[in-house]
Protein backbone atom coordinates (compact mmCIF):
# COMPACT_ATOMS: atom_id res chain seq x y z
CA UNK A 1 0.05 0.02 -0.08
CA UNK A 2 1.48 3.51 -0.97
CA UNK A 3 -0.07 6.81 -1.14
CA UNK A 4 -2.07 8.81 1.06
CA UNK A 5 -4.39 8.34 3.98
CA UNK A 6 -7.39 8.16 1.56
CA UNK A 7 -6.15 5.22 0.02
CA UNK A 8 -5.96 3.38 3.57
CA UNK A 9 -9.51 4.70 4.07
CA UNK A 10 -10.89 3.80 0.83
CA UNK A 11 -9.01 0.51 -0.10
CA UNK A 12 -7.22 -1.15 2.99
CA UNK A 13 -9.42 -0.78 5.94
CA UNK A 14 -12.67 -1.88 3.98
CA UNK A 15 -10.45 -4.98 2.91
CA UNK A 16 -9.69 -5.98 6.26
CA UNK A 17 -12.92 -5.30 7.78
CA UNK A 18 -14.52 -7.64 4.74
CA UNK A 19 -12.00 -10.31 5.69
CA UNK A 20 -13.06 -10.08 9.14
CA UNK A 21 -16.97 -9.98 8.79
CA UNK A 22 -17.61 -11.72 5.75
CA UNK A 23 -14.97 -14.40 5.67
CA UNK A 24 -14.72 -14.59 9.36
CA UNK A 25 -10.86 -14.47 9.30
CA UNK A 26 -9.84 -13.11 12.95
CA UNK A 27 -7.14 -10.88 13.86
CA UNK A 28 -3.24 -11.76 14.39
CA UNK A 29 -3.61 -10.41 18.01
CA UNK A 30 -5.90 -8.80 20.45
CA UNK A 31 -9.30 -9.65 21.34
CA UNK A 32 -10.51 -11.13 18.05
CA UNK A 33 -7.14 -13.31 17.87
CA UNK A 34 -8.03 -16.55 16.34
CA UNK A 35 -5.95 -19.14 14.42
CA UNK A 36 -5.68 -18.71 10.67
CA UNK A 37 -4.89 -21.01 8.05
CA UNK A 38 -2.31 -18.46 6.64
CA UNK A 39 -0.45 -15.50 7.69
CA UNK A 40 -1.37 -11.61 6.58
CA UNK A 41 1.57 -9.05 5.94
CA UNK A 42 0.98 -5.39 4.88
CA UNK A 43 3.80 -3.94 2.87
CA UNK A 44 3.41 -0.17 2.86
CA UNK A 45 5.61 3.10 3.61
CA UNK A 46 6.42 4.72 6.77
CA UNK A 47 5.11 7.91 5.55
CA UNK A 48 1.65 6.40 4.97
CA UNK A 49 1.50 4.91 8.67
CA UNK A 50 2.39 8.22 10.23
CA UNK A 51 -0.42 9.96 8.40
CA UNK A 52 -3.03 7.74 10.03
CA UNK A 53 -4.91 8.12 13.14
CA UNK A 54 -4.38 5.98 15.98
CA UNK A 55 -7.46 4.18 15.32
CA UNK A 56 -6.68 3.28 11.92
CA UNK A 57 -3.02 2.26 12.68
CA UNK A 58 -4.38 -0.06 15.63
CA UNK A 59 -6.93 -1.75 13.22
CA UNK A 60 -3.99 -2.53 10.73
CA UNK A 61 -1.66 -3.84 13.64
CA UNK A 62 -4.06 -6.21 15.19
CA UNK A 63 -4.85 -7.76 12.15
CA UNK A 64 -1.81 -8.40 10.08
CA UNK A 65 1.01 -10.42 11.25
CA UNK A 66 3.49 -8.10 9.91
CA UNK A 67 3.70 -4.73 8.73
CA UNK A 68 6.78 -4.28 6.43
CA UNK A 69 7.87 -0.75 5.49
CA UNK A 70 9.40 0.15 2.33
CA UNK A 71 12.05 2.34 3.43
CA UNK A 72 13.60 -0.63 5.74
CA UNK A 73 14.20 -2.62 2.38
CA UNK A 74 15.05 0.20 0.23
CA UNK A 75 18.87 0.26 -0.29
CA UNK A 76 19.98 3.46 1.18
CA UNK A 77 22.35 4.04 -2.30
CA UNK A 78 19.33 3.70 -4.63
CA UNK A 79 18.22 6.27 -7.03
CA UNK A 80 15.51 8.76 -5.81
CA UNK A 81 12.34 7.18 -6.05
CA UNK A 82 9.93 8.38 -8.74
CA UNK A 83 6.66 10.31 -8.23
CA UNK A 84 3.70 8.76 -6.43
CA UNK A 85 1.91 6.79 -9.29
CA UNK A 86 5.37 4.92 -10.17
CA UNK A 87 6.51 4.62 -6.61
CA UNK A 88 3.45 2.86 -5.85
CA UNK A 89 4.50 0.36 -8.16
CA UNK A 90 7.87 0.19 -6.86
CA UNK A 91 6.43 -0.47 -3.30
CA UNK A 92 4.31 -3.16 -4.90
CA UNK A 93 6.94 -5.32 -6.68
CA UNK A 94 9.16 -4.20 -3.29
CA UNK A 95 6.31 -6.64 -1.51
CA UNK A 96 6.61 -9.42 -3.50
CA UNK A 97 10.73 -9.59 -3.37
CA UNK A 98 10.78 -9.03 0.28
CA UNK A 99 7.67 -11.35 1.43
CA UNK A 100 8.23 -13.20 5.09
CA UNK A 101 6.64 -16.04 3.96
CA UNK A 102 7.84 -19.24 2.43
CA UNK A 103 5.10 -19.18 -0.13
CA UNK A 104 3.77 -16.16 -1.13
CA UNK A 105 0.08 -15.12 -2.31
CA UNK A 106 0.53 -11.38 -3.47
CA UNK A 107 -2.91 -9.75 -3.86
CA UNK A 108 -3.81 -6.25 -5.03
CA UNK A 109 -6.41 -4.41 -2.57
CA UNK A 110 -8.94 -4.92 -5.74
CA UNK A 111 -8.43 -8.58 -5.83
CA UNK A 112 -10.88 -10.08 -3.36
CA UNK A 113 -10.91 -13.29 -1.74
CA UNK A 114 -14.45 -15.19 -2.16
CA UNK A 115 -13.62 -17.91 0.56
CA UNK A 116 -11.74 -18.33 3.80
CA UNK A 117 -9.47 -21.17 2.21
CA UNK A 118 -8.56 -19.08 -0.53
CA UNK A 119 -4.83 -19.58 0.40
CA UNK A 120 -5.41 -23.38 0.68
CA UNK A 121 -6.54 -23.36 -2.99
CA UNK A 122 -3.70 -21.33 -4.41
CA UNK A 123 -0.65 -22.29 -2.38
CA UNK A 124 -0.37 -25.40 -4.25
CA UNK A 125 0.17 -23.73 -7.50
CA UNK A 126 3.87 -23.36 -6.54
CA UNK A 127 6.48 -25.04 -4.97
CA UNK A 128 7.02 -29.13 -4.76
CA UNK A 129 3.67 -29.82 -4.54
CA UNK A 130 3.39 -28.34 -8.21
CA UNK A 131 6.39 -29.78 -9.46
CA UNK A 132 8.96 -27.06 -8.85
CA UNK A 133 7.03 -24.23 -10.33
CA UNK A 134 8.25 -20.95 -9.03
CA UNK A 135 5.84 -18.30 -9.83
CA UNK A 136 1.85 -18.67 -11.07
CA UNK A 137 0.07 -16.00 -12.62
CA UNK A 138 -3.07 -15.29 -14.43
CA UNK A 139 -3.04 -14.57 -18.33
CA UNK A 140 -4.15 -11.11 -19.32
CA UNK A 141 -5.75 -12.00 -22.59
CA UNK A 142 -8.22 -14.51 -23.76
CA UNK A 143 -6.55 -17.41 -25.65
CA UNK A 144 -3.36 -16.42 -24.45
CA UNK A 145 -2.72 -19.77 -22.66
CA UNK A 146 -2.96 -21.66 -26.23
CA UNK A 147 0.20 -19.96 -27.50
CA UNK A 148 3.68 -21.20 -27.98
CA UNK A 149 5.83 -19.97 -24.78
CA UNK A 150 7.82 -17.78 -26.56
CA UNK A 151 4.81 -15.82 -28.01
CA UNK A 152 2.96 -16.43 -24.74
CA UNK A 153 5.72 -14.63 -22.83
CA UNK A 154 5.84 -11.86 -25.13
CA UNK A 155 2.32 -10.70 -23.72
CA UNK A 156 1.54 -9.21 -20.20
CA UNK A 157 0.23 -11.21 -17.37
CA UNK A 158 -1.97 -9.57 -14.55
CA UNK A 159 -0.29 -8.87 -11.41
CA UNK A 160 -3.20 -8.42 -9.30
CA UNK A 161 -2.78 -11.81 -8.04
CA UNK A 162 0.64 -13.58 -7.92
CA UNK A 163 1.71 -16.98 -6.33
CA UNK A 164 5.23 -17.55 -5.42
CA UNK A 165 7.54 -19.95 -4.08
CA UNK A 166 9.60 -17.52 -2.21
CA UNK A 167 12.33 -19.78 -0.85
CA UNK A 168 13.23 -20.59 -4.76
CA UNK A 169 16.55 -18.81 -5.92
CA UNK A 170 14.92 -18.49 -9.08
CA UNK A 171 12.22 -16.65 -7.95
CA UNK A 172 14.77 -14.21 -6.13
CA UNK A 173 16.40 -13.68 -9.40
CA UNK A 174 13.27 -13.23 -11.20
CA UNK A 175 11.93 -10.45 -8.92
CA UNK A 176 15.26 -8.79 -8.72
CA UNK A 177 15.19 -8.42 -12.63
CA UNK A 178 11.17 -7.33 -12.20
CA UNK A 179 12.73 -4.38 -9.91
CA UNK A 180 15.40 -3.54 -12.24
CA UNK A 181 13.08 -3.59 -15.31
CA UNK A 182 10.30 -1.34 -13.79
CA UNK A 183 13.03 1.45 -12.70
CA UNK A 184 14.69 0.92 -16.30
CA UNK A 185 11.42 1.78 -17.99
CA UNK A 186 10.31 4.28 -15.75
CA UNK A 187 13.45 6.32 -16.10
CA UNK A 188 13.62 5.99 -19.75
CA UNK A 189 10.18 6.76 -21.00
CA UNK A 190 8.18 7.56 -17.93
CA UNK A 191 6.20 4.19 -17.55
CA UNK A 192 4.25 3.88 -14.41
CA UNK A 193 2.69 0.64 -15.05
CA UNK A 194 4.19 -2.51 -13.61
CA UNK A 195 3.10 -5.36 -16.04
CA UNK A 196 5.38 -3.99 -19.02
CA UNK A 197 8.25 -4.84 -16.53
CA UNK A 198 6.64 -8.02 -15.52
CA UNK A 199 6.59 -8.87 -19.16
CA UNK A 200 10.33 -8.11 -19.72
CA UNK A 201 11.21 -10.15 -16.37
CA UNK A 202 9.25 -13.15 -16.69
CA UNK A 203 10.71 -13.67 -20.39
CA UNK A 204 14.19 -13.09 -19.67
CA UNK A 205 13.99 -15.16 -16.42
CA UNK A 206 11.75 -17.98 -18.19
CA UNK A 207 13.86 -18.22 -21.41
CA UNK A 208 17.49 -17.52 -20.19
CA UNK A 209 19.85 -18.56 -17.71
CA UNK A 210 18.03 -18.27 -14.61
CA UNK A 211 15.28 -20.98 -16.09
CA UNK A 212 12.08 -19.79 -14.06
CA UNK A 213 9.31 -22.31 -13.87
CA UNK A 214 6.19 -20.45 -14.53
CA UNK A 215 2.61 -21.42 -14.90
CA UNK A 216 -0.41 -20.01 -15.60
CA UNK A 217 -3.50 -19.90 -12.92
CA UNK A 218 -6.97 -21.02 -13.97
CA UNK A 219 -9.41 -18.39 -15.00
CA UNK A 220 -12.01 -20.30 -12.79
CA UNK A 221 -9.59 -19.53 -9.74
CA UNK A 222 -8.79 -16.06 -9.93
CA UNK A 223 -11.67 -14.74 -12.18
CA UNK A 224 -10.99 -11.88 -14.37
CA UNK A 225 -13.60 -9.94 -16.61
CA UNK A 226 -11.40 -10.57 -19.71
CA UNK A 227 -10.70 -14.06 -19.37
CA UNK A 228 -12.98 -15.64 -17.14
CA UNK A 229 -16.66 -16.75 -17.97
CA UNK A 230 -17.96 -15.60 -14.83
CA UNK A 231 -16.41 -13.21 -12.38
CA UNK A 232 -18.49 -14.00 -9.26
CA UNK A 233 -17.75 -15.28 -5.72
CA UNK A 234 -21.29 -16.99 -6.43
CA UNK A 235 -19.93 -18.98 -9.29
CA UNK A 236 -17.08 -20.63 -7.04
CA UNK A 237 -14.16 -18.17 -7.65
CA UNK A 238 -11.42 -18.06 -4.96
CA UNK A 239 -10.81 -14.38 -5.94
CA UNK A 240 -12.39 -11.94 -8.20
CA UNK A 241 -10.55 -9.13 -9.58
CA UNK A 242 -12.48 -5.72 -9.21
CA UNK A 243 -15.53 -7.29 -7.52
CA UNK A 244 -17.19 -3.88 -7.42
CA UNK A 245 -17.33 -3.97 -11.24
CA UNK A 246 -17.89 -7.52 -12.35
CA UNK A 247 -19.19 -9.59 -9.43
CA UNK A 248 -22.99 -9.82 -9.45
CA UNK A 249 -22.78 -10.71 -5.58
CA UNK A 250 -21.97 -6.85 -5.06
CA UNK A 251 -25.20 -5.02 -5.89
CA UNK A 252 -25.92 -1.43 -6.22
CA UNK A 253 -29.36 -0.18 -5.04
CA UNK A 254 -30.60 3.37 -5.57
CA UNK A 255 -34.32 4.13 -4.15
CA UNK A 256 -35.54 7.29 -3.90
CA UNK A 257 -38.70 9.74 -4.14
CA UNK A 258 -39.43 11.86 -6.90
CA UNK A 259 -36.98 14.51 -7.69
CA UNK A 260 -34.36 13.19 -5.52
CA UNK A 261 -31.94 12.82 -8.13
CA UNK A 262 -32.13 8.98 -8.98
CA UNK A 263 -32.14 9.34 -12.65
CA UNK A 264 -28.87 11.52 -12.05
CA UNK A 265 -27.36 8.39 -9.97
CA UNK A 266 -28.49 6.19 -12.93
CA UNK A 267 -26.45 8.35 -14.98
CA UNK A 268 -23.81 8.06 -12.53
CA UNK A 269 -23.48 4.47 -12.49
CA UNK A 270 -23.60 3.75 -16.15
CA UNK A 271 -20.58 6.47 -16.48
CA UNK A 272 -18.83 4.28 -13.91
CA UNK A 273 -19.56 1.26 -15.86
CA UNK A 274 -21.13 -0.45 -13.04
CA UNK A 275 -23.51 -2.87 -14.73
CA UNK A 276 -25.45 -4.55 -16.01
CA UNK A 277 -28.23 -2.28 -14.93
CA UNK A 278 -31.76 -3.60 -14.42
CA UNK A 279 -34.29 -3.08 -17.22
CA UNK A 280 -37.58 -1.33 -16.76
CA UNK A 281 -39.46 -4.01 -17.80
CA UNK A 282 -38.07 -6.07 -14.96
CA UNK A 283 -38.51 -3.57 -12.59
CA UNK A 284 -42.10 -2.93 -13.49
CA UNK A 285 -42.88 -6.85 -13.25
CA UNK A 286 -41.20 -6.92 -9.58
CA UNK A 287 -43.26 -3.67 -8.35
CA UNK A 288 -46.57 -4.97 -9.83
CA UNK A 289 -46.21 -8.66 -8.16
CA UNK A 290 -45.27 -6.70 -4.79
CA UNK A 291 -48.28 -4.52 -5.13
CA UNK A 292 -50.79 -7.19 -5.90
CA UNK A 293 -49.94 -9.80 -3.45
CA UNK A 294 -46.67 -8.29 -1.48
CA UNK A 295 -44.85 -11.12 -3.37
CA UNK A 296 -41.07 -10.29 -3.27
CA UNK A 297 -40.02 -13.28 -5.17
CA UNK A 298 -40.18 -11.69 -8.51
CA UNK A 299 -38.03 -9.07 -7.56
CA UNK A 300 -35.49 -11.30 -6.02
CA UNK A 301 -35.36 -13.43 -9.06
CA UNK A 302 -35.19 -10.21 -11.16
CA UNK A 303 -32.24 -8.99 -8.87
CA UNK A 304 -29.91 -12.17 -10.07
CA UNK A 305 -28.29 -11.16 -13.22
CA UNK A 306 -28.02 -7.56 -12.77
CA UNK A 307 -25.31 -5.54 -10.86
CA UNK A 308 -27.41 -2.04 -10.46
CA UNK A 309 -31.04 -1.14 -9.73
CA UNK A 310 -32.57 2.55 -9.39
CA UNK A 311 -36.20 3.40 -9.10
CA UNK A 312 -38.45 6.37 -7.62
């Protein structure tokens, strides 16, 4: 996590609360401490931690097993860090490189676990259980898995969820390449995305002397809109990418009386691409059924295939 206090309030703390409330994952310490199947670590910046309130800091401290600070791992002789947008990606890659775990499941905050045992489903993708695989990633494009290796590795992979065997020297060499590739691309052309650097590092590590063993993560395991048939916790995914946009189990309802801005909100939902939106006919059928007999079953059935709803 890098950036501002607003990012922690918008992404980090809600994720922690989601894991607690919806997946019943206990804290690492404190009154809600309970045994957990896996550890959780937060990799962030000291400047960000200092910007938080005492209550916010405590919420992070009791949940995470470890909180690691980028400044403690950054070499003192390193070049000055780039602006925030690129620095956030550098913090992200460093989180992968300096993981405190033997098997690492790196997650962006927009990669949302659907089930409490998500780690048990992801960890066997690497290490001895997977025949010596060093890193497992998801493809970025549909059909990428059917390409020959050399062509496959020319295309980007998604970095929102990556599984590593962190004990492997090949993994360590690959992540060092990843950091250096990102710094090089950023210095040369201002590139602030991390996936082009991931492509460079993965290709060199897999096809060169490092001999990195990489595997593709099934699109039914980490569900993403571009490569998965469904992107929903309800469909059996272990994790979903950007659930607020694609997972039908996350629904947005806007209800108000006349002239309270419901139509404007509907336009806003369209602009945010939060769809599919419930059509007028389905809304009217549901309203009529409830008005006639108090039957909410029609409304519940109508809700299943839609993400957003509004009415006045």
